[in-house]
N, C-alpha and C. Protein backbone atom coordinates (compact mmCIF):
# COMPACT_ATOMS: atom_id res chain seq x y z
N UNK A 1 -10.37 9.17 -27.87
CA UNK A 1 -9.71 8.09 -29.04
C UNK A 1 -9.33 6.25 -28.42
N UNK A 2 -10.57 5.69 -28.75
CA UNK A 2 -9.90 4.07 -28.71
C UNK A 2 -8.90 3.86 -29.41
N UNK A 3 -8.18 2.97 -28.59
CA UNK A 3 -6.58 1.93 -28.97
C UNK A 3 -7.27 1.26 -29.46
N UNK A 4 -7.98 0.53 -29.62
CA UNK A 4 -8.97 -0.40 -30.33
C UNK A 4 -8.29 -1.93 -29.54
N UNK A 5 -7.23 -1.98 -28.57
CA UNK A 5 -6.47 -3.01 -28.03
C UNK A 5 -5.27 -3.53 -28.52
N UNK A 6 -4.86 -2.14 -28.97
CA UNK A 6 -3.72 -2.19 -30.24
C UNK A 6 -2.74 -1.65 -28.85
N UNK A 7 -2.75 -1.42 -27.84
CA UNK A 7 -1.81 -1.00 -26.83
C UNK A 7 -2.02 -1.68 -25.83
N UNK A 8 -1.13 -2.53 -24.86
CA UNK A 8 -1.02 -3.27 -23.89
C UNK A 8 0.19 -2.53 -22.65
N UNK A 9 0.16 -2.56 -21.68
CA UNK A 9 0.66 -2.02 -20.59
C UNK A 9 2.18 -3.15 -20.43
N UNK A 10 3.48 -2.73 -20.62
CA UNK A 10 4.39 -3.74 -20.27
C UNK A 10 4.10 -3.94 -18.79
N UNK A 11 4.85 -5.43 -18.97
CA UNK A 11 5.53 -5.85 -17.08
C UNK A 11 5.44 -5.33 -16.50
N UNK A 12 4.67 -4.95 -15.56
CA UNK A 12 5.52 -4.32 -14.27
C UNK A 12 5.02 -2.83 -14.16
N UNK A 13 4.25 -1.97 -15.19
CA UNK A 13 4.12 -0.52 -15.44
C UNK A 13 2.93 -0.67 -14.05
N UNK A 14 1.60 -1.22 -14.72
CA UNK A 14 1.04 -1.02 -13.40
C UNK A 14 1.34 -1.26 -11.86
N UNK A 15 2.35 -2.02 -11.67
CA UNK A 15 2.72 -2.19 -10.45
C UNK A 15 3.37 -0.83 -10.05
N UNK A 16 4.23 -0.46 -10.85
CA UNK A 16 5.60 0.91 -10.60
C UNK A 16 4.86 1.92 -10.68
N UNK A 17 4.04 2.43 -11.41
CA UNK A 17 2.63 3.61 -11.27
C UNK A 17 1.77 3.09 -9.68
N UNK A 18 1.39 2.29 -9.28
CA UNK A 18 0.42 1.85 -8.79
C UNK A 18 1.19 2.36 -7.19
N UNK A 19 2.53 1.40 -7.36
CA UNK A 19 3.19 2.15 -6.09
C UNK A 19 3.56 3.23 -5.91
N UNK A 20 4.19 4.13 -6.86
CA UNK A 20 4.06 5.88 -7.10
C UNK A 20 2.78 6.50 -6.64
N UNK A 21 1.76 5.95 -7.41
CA UNK A 21 1.05 6.35 -6.78
C UNK A 21 0.31 6.87 -5.62
N UNK A 22 0.36 5.42 -4.46
CA UNK A 22 0.32 5.51 -3.20
C UNK A 22 1.13 6.26 -2.89
N UNK A 23 2.72 6.21 -2.48
CA UNK A 23 3.59 7.07 -2.22
C UNK A 23 3.14 8.45 -2.19
N UNK A 24 2.22 8.78 -3.12
CA UNK A 24 2.09 10.67 -3.43
C UNK A 24 0.69 10.57 -2.76
N UNK A 25 0.09 9.76 -2.40
CA UNK A 25 -1.33 9.87 -1.94
C UNK A 25 -0.61 9.98 -0.72
N UNK A 26 0.29 9.07 -0.23
CA UNK A 26 0.80 8.86 1.84
C UNK A 26 1.11 9.80 1.92
N UNK A 27 2.10 10.73 1.00
CA UNK A 27 2.92 11.86 1.71
C UNK A 27 2.63 13.42 1.04
N UNK A 28 1.80 13.00 -0.02
CA UNK A 28 1.53 15.20 -0.21
C UNK A 28 2.38 15.20 -0.74
N UNK A 29 3.52 15.24 -1.88
CA UNK A 29 4.82 16.21 -1.84
C UNK A 29 4.53 16.88 -2.40
N UNK A 30 4.87 19.15 -2.08
CA UNK A 30 4.50 19.80 -2.76
C UNK A 30 5.16 19.87 -4.03
N UNK A 31 5.77 19.58 -4.38
CA UNK A 31 6.28 19.22 -5.89
C UNK A 31 6.68 18.45 -6.42
N UNK A 32 5.65 17.72 -6.95
CA UNK A 32 5.53 16.81 -7.75
C UNK A 32 6.28 15.91 -8.70
N UNK A 33 6.77 16.81 -9.42
CA UNK A 33 7.79 16.30 -10.29
C UNK A 33 9.10 16.40 -9.47
N UNK A 34 9.09 17.08 -9.10
CA UNK A 34 10.64 16.81 -7.77
C UNK A 34 10.85 15.56 -7.02
N UNK A 35 9.35 14.73 -6.66
CA UNK A 35 9.20 14.08 -6.00
C UNK A 35 9.45 12.95 -7.00
N UNK A 36 8.42 12.71 -8.14
CA UNK A 36 8.72 11.70 -8.62
C UNK A 36 10.22 11.47 -9.20
N UNK A 37 10.99 12.53 -9.93
CA UNK A 37 12.71 12.22 -10.25
C UNK A 37 13.24 11.67 -8.93
N UNK A 38 13.04 11.95 -7.51
CA UNK A 38 13.84 11.46 -6.71
C UNK A 38 12.75 9.81 -6.37
N UNK A 39 11.91 9.15 -6.20
CA UNK A 39 11.09 8.11 -6.39
C UNK A 39 11.39 7.41 -7.12
N UNK A 40 11.70 7.95 -8.51
CA UNK A 40 12.07 6.85 -9.41
C UNK A 40 13.54 6.22 -9.57
N UNK A 41 14.39 7.80 -9.22
CA UNK A 41 16.11 7.56 -8.78
C UNK A 41 16.30 6.71 -7.87
N UNK A 42 15.56 6.46 -7.08
CA UNK A 42 15.48 5.41 -5.89
C UNK A 42 15.24 4.41 -6.04
N UNK A 43 14.63 3.70 -7.19
CA UNK A 43 14.21 2.76 -7.89
C UNK A 43 15.30 2.07 -8.54
N UNK A 44 15.87 2.88 -9.30
CA UNK A 44 16.95 2.84 -10.26
C UNK A 44 17.92 2.48 -9.22
N UNK A 45 18.24 3.45 -8.30
CA UNK A 45 19.92 2.79 -7.42
C UNK A 45 19.44 1.83 -6.23
N UNK A 46 18.04 1.29 -6.58
CA UNK A 46 18.04 -0.12 -5.56
C UNK A 46 17.14 0.21 -3.89
N UNK A 47 17.11 0.83 -4.44
CA UNK A 47 16.55 1.72 -2.62
C UNK A 47 15.12 1.06 -2.23
N UNK A 48 14.21 -0.03 -3.33
CA UNK A 48 13.19 -0.28 -3.00
C UNK A 48 13.34 -1.70 -2.93
N UNK A 49 12.26 -2.44 -2.10
CA UNK A 49 12.14 -3.91 -2.30
C UNK A 49 11.98 -4.46 -3.58
N UNK A 50 12.19 -5.69 -3.83
CA UNK A 50 11.64 -5.97 -4.78
C UNK A 50 10.26 -6.16 -4.88
N UNK A 51 9.71 -6.12 -5.83
CA UNK A 51 7.83 -6.84 -5.53
C UNK A 51 7.03 -6.00 -4.88
N UNK A 52 7.70 -4.97 -4.34
CA UNK A 52 6.98 -4.02 -3.23
C UNK A 52 5.73 -2.62 -3.70
N UNK A 53 5.27 -3.29 -5.10
CA UNK A 53 5.13 -1.89 -5.73
C UNK A 53 5.86 -1.07 -6.37
N UNK A 54 6.58 -1.05 -6.14
CA UNK A 54 7.34 0.52 -6.21
C UNK A 54 7.58 1.54 -4.96
N UNK A 55 7.01 0.57 -4.31
CA UNK A 55 6.96 1.68 -2.74
C UNK A 55 8.66 1.63 -2.34
N UNK A 56 9.25 2.70 -1.30
CA UNK A 56 10.68 2.31 -0.80
C UNK A 56 10.07 1.64 0.21
N UNK A 57 11.66 0.71 1.21
CA UNK A 57 11.21 0.59 2.02
C UNK A 57 10.39 0.97 3.10
N UNK A 58 10.48 0.30 4.10
CA UNK A 58 9.26 0.72 5.45
C UNK A 58 9.44 1.77 5.57
N UNK A 59 8.95 2.57 5.64
CA UNK A 59 9.22 4.12 5.88
C UNK A 59 9.36 3.96 8.02
N UNK A 60 8.06 3.51 8.38
CA UNK A 60 7.52 3.70 9.96
C UNK A 60 7.63 1.97 9.66
N UNK A 61 7.77 1.75 11.05
CA UNK A 61 7.07 0.67 11.65
C UNK A 61 6.62 0.23 11.84
N UNK A 62 5.60 -1.33 12.36
CA UNK A 62 5.05 -1.37 12.08
C UNK A 62 3.35 -1.09 13.03
N UNK A 63 5.08 -0.86 14.41
CA UNK A 63 3.88 -0.42 15.72
C UNK A 63 2.81 1.17 15.07
N UNK A 64 3.94 1.58 14.64
CA UNK A 64 3.61 3.47 14.09
C UNK A 64 2.42 3.30 13.13
N UNK A 65 2.43 2.24 11.97
CA UNK A 65 1.34 1.92 11.22
C UNK A 65 0.84 1.05 11.70
N UNK A 66 0.13 0.41 12.80
CA UNK A 66 -0.72 0.01 12.69
C UNK A 66 -1.86 1.12 12.77
N UNK A 67 -3.02 0.65 12.22
CA UNK A 67 -4.15 1.29 12.49
C UNK A 67 -5.06 1.29 13.71
N UNK A 68 -5.57 2.51 13.96
CA UNK A 68 -6.54 3.23 14.80
C UNK A 68 -7.73 1.72 14.76
N UNK A 69 -8.10 1.02 15.16
CA UNK A 69 -9.30 -0.10 15.15
C UNK A 69 -10.23 0.35 16.16
N UNK A 70 -10.14 1.42 17.29
CA UNK A 70 -10.72 1.44 18.25
C UNK A 70 -12.53 1.64 17.93
N UNK A 71 -12.50 2.44 16.83
CA UNK A 71 -14.41 2.59 16.50
C UNK A 71 -14.75 0.88 15.78
N UNK A 72 -14.16 0.40 15.28
CA UNK A 72 -14.21 -0.52 14.18
C UNK A 72 -15.20 -1.79 15.05
N UNK A 73 -16.30 -2.11 14.40
CA UNK A 73 -17.16 -3.67 14.87
C UNK A 73 -17.01 -4.51 13.29
N UNK A 74 -15.82 -4.74 12.82
CA UNK A 74 -15.92 -5.94 12.23
C UNK A 74 -14.99 -6.78 12.60
N UNK A 75 -15.01 -7.82 11.76
CA UNK A 75 -14.31 -9.11 11.96
C UNK A 75 -13.08 -9.13 11.65
N UNK A 76 -12.36 -7.89 11.22
CA UNK A 76 -10.97 -7.53 10.58
C UNK A 76 -10.41 -6.93 12.22
N UNK A 77 -11.19 -6.17 12.31
CA UNK A 77 -10.67 -5.38 13.60
C UNK A 77 -10.63 -6.65 14.61
N UNK A 78 -11.35 -7.07 14.72
CA UNK A 78 -11.60 -8.41 15.71
C UNK A 78 -10.12 -8.88 16.11
N UNK A 79 -10.21 -9.52 14.56
CA UNK A 79 -8.98 -10.65 14.88
C UNK A 79 -7.68 -10.07 14.56
N UNK A 80 -7.09 -8.95 13.74
CA UNK A 80 -6.10 -8.52 14.13
C UNK A 80 -5.65 -7.93 15.24
N UNK A 81 -4.68 -8.10 15.64
CA UNK A 81 -3.85 -7.88 16.68
C UNK A 81 -2.58 -7.17 16.11
N UNK A 82 -1.64 -6.30 16.96
CA UNK A 82 -0.84 -5.18 16.60
C UNK A 82 0.38 -6.21 16.50
N UNK A 83 0.21 -7.86 17.60
CA UNK A 83 1.06 -8.54 17.07
C UNK A 83 1.37 -9.13 15.74
N UNK A 84 -0.44 -10.25 15.16
CA UNK A 84 0.01 -9.96 14.03
C UNK A 84 0.15 -9.13 12.73
N UNK A 85 -0.32 -7.62 12.89
CA UNK A 85 0.23 -6.74 12.34
C UNK A 85 1.79 -6.52 11.74
N UNK A 86 2.08 -6.58 13.62
CA UNK A 86 3.91 -7.05 13.50
C UNK A 86 4.29 -7.66 12.57
N UNK A 87 3.82 -9.11 12.67
CA UNK A 87 4.41 -10.55 12.04
C UNK A 87 3.93 -10.54 10.72
N UNK A 88 3.34 -9.89 10.15
CA UNK A 88 3.17 -9.81 8.56
C UNK A 88 2.60 -8.65 7.78
N UNK A 89 3.40 -7.80 8.37
CA UNK A 89 2.77 -6.36 7.42
C UNK A 89 4.52 -6.13 6.26
N UNK A 90 5.08 -7.33 6.87
CA UNK A 90 6.37 -7.08 6.33
C UNK A 90 6.68 -7.91 4.91
N UNK A 91 6.04 -8.55 4.92
CA UNK A 91 5.30 -10.31 3.88
C UNK A 91 4.58 -9.01 2.62
N UNK A 92 5.55 -9.62 1.93
CA UNK A 92 4.80 -9.70 0.32
C UNK A 92 4.36 -10.55 -0.82
N UNK A 93 3.44 -10.77 -1.40
CA UNK A 93 3.38 -12.12 -2.06
C UNK A 93 4.47 -11.74 -3.71
N UNK A 94 4.46 -12.60 -4.64
CA UNK A 94 5.26 -12.70 -5.48
C UNK A 94 4.80 -11.21 -6.10
N UNK A 95 3.07 -11.01 -6.19
CA UNK A 95 3.17 -9.64 -6.84
C UNK A 95 2.70 -8.45 -6.45
N UNK A 96 4.09 -8.86 -5.30
CA UNK A 96 3.82 -7.58 -4.51
C UNK A 96 2.58 -7.17 -3.41
N UNK A 97 1.60 -7.86 -3.10
CA UNK A 97 0.63 -7.81 -2.29
C UNK A 97 1.06 -7.73 -0.95
N UNK A 98 1.15 -7.05 -0.42
CA UNK A 98 0.77 -6.99 1.38
C UNK A 98 -0.21 -6.76 2.18
N UNK A 99 -0.12 -6.77 3.32
CA UNK A 99 -1.11 -6.60 4.54
C UNK A 99 -2.14 -5.59 4.18
N UNK A 100 -1.23 -4.23 3.77
CA UNK A 100 -1.68 -2.95 4.15
C UNK A 100 -3.27 -2.52 3.18
N UNK A 101 -2.65 -3.66 2.15
CA UNK A 101 -3.74 -3.67 0.82
C UNK A 101 -4.96 -4.80 1.80
N UNK A 102 -4.63 -6.22 1.84
CA UNK A 102 -5.61 -6.62 2.02
C UNK A 102 -6.15 -6.59 3.34
N UNK A 103 -5.99 -5.36 4.10
CA UNK A 103 -7.05 -4.95 5.15
C UNK A 103 -7.65 -3.77 5.04
N UNK A 104 -6.97 -2.36 4.04
CA UNK A 104 -7.88 -1.45 3.96
C UNK A 104 -9.38 -1.32 3.54
N UNK A 105 -9.90 -2.22 3.51
CA UNK A 105 -11.41 -2.53 3.20
C UNK A 105 -11.98 -2.18 4.34
N UNK A 106 -11.05 -3.03 5.32
CA UNK A 106 -11.50 -3.15 6.63
C UNK A 106 -11.70 -1.88 7.36
N UNK A 107 -10.29 -1.34 7.12
CA UNK A 107 -9.64 -0.24 7.70
C UNK A 107 -11.14 1.19 7.25
N UNK A 108 -11.43 1.21 6.52
CA UNK A 108 -12.37 1.95 5.53
C UNK A 108 -13.03 2.09 6.15
N UNK A 109 -14.32 0.87 6.35
CA UNK A 109 -15.49 0.27 6.75
C UNK A 109 -15.43 -0.24 8.26
N UNK A 110 -15.59 1.06 8.63
CA UNK A 110 -15.98 0.52 10.49
C UNK A 110 -16.39 -0.66 10.94
N UNK A 111 -17.69 -0.70 9.80
CA UNK A 111 -19.11 -1.65 10.12
C UNK A 111 -19.68 -1.01 11.00
N UNK A 112 -20.80 -1.77 10.94
CA UNK A 112 -22.48 -1.28 11.92
C UNK A 112 -21.85 -0.86 13.72
N UNK A 113 -22.63 0.13 13.87
CA UNK A 113 -22.05 -0.01 15.96
C UNK A 113 -23.03 -1.38 16.42
N UNK A 114 -23.51 -2.04 16.03
CA UNK A 114 -24.19 -2.49 17.01
C UNK A 114 -24.77 -4.11 16.17
N UNK A 115 -24.15 -4.17 14.89
CA UNK A 115 -24.08 -5.24 13.87
C UNK A 115 -22.18 -5.75 13.70
N UNK A 116 -21.99 -6.98 14.14
CA UNK A 116 -20.39 -7.24 13.41
C UNK A 116 -20.69 -7.23 11.97
N UNK A 117 -19.63 -6.21 11.44
CA UNK A 117 -20.00 -7.23 9.78
C UNK A 117 -18.42 -7.44 9.66
């Protein structure tokens, strides 16, 4: 059934659900309903930084979260050092966009072994 354009997501809904979805995929909770209850309760208690797509406060240090780029042959892997990642990893745009989201394509696509992509 088509909504015919009658329904619009309220401000913040997309970011809220995106943050929840990212955390579900990262943590793979065995009880999704319990995880959802704890996740959204945490947001209500202010345990999540403003503008971070509803993601919990940084669970891992930047050095623990730095991606393994040892087999990558792309410009992102060449330019992204652990020091750069450490300095930029906790910064967010006003819309909650962070470094991890920005580099995800480069992490997922290591490039061609003989051609710098």
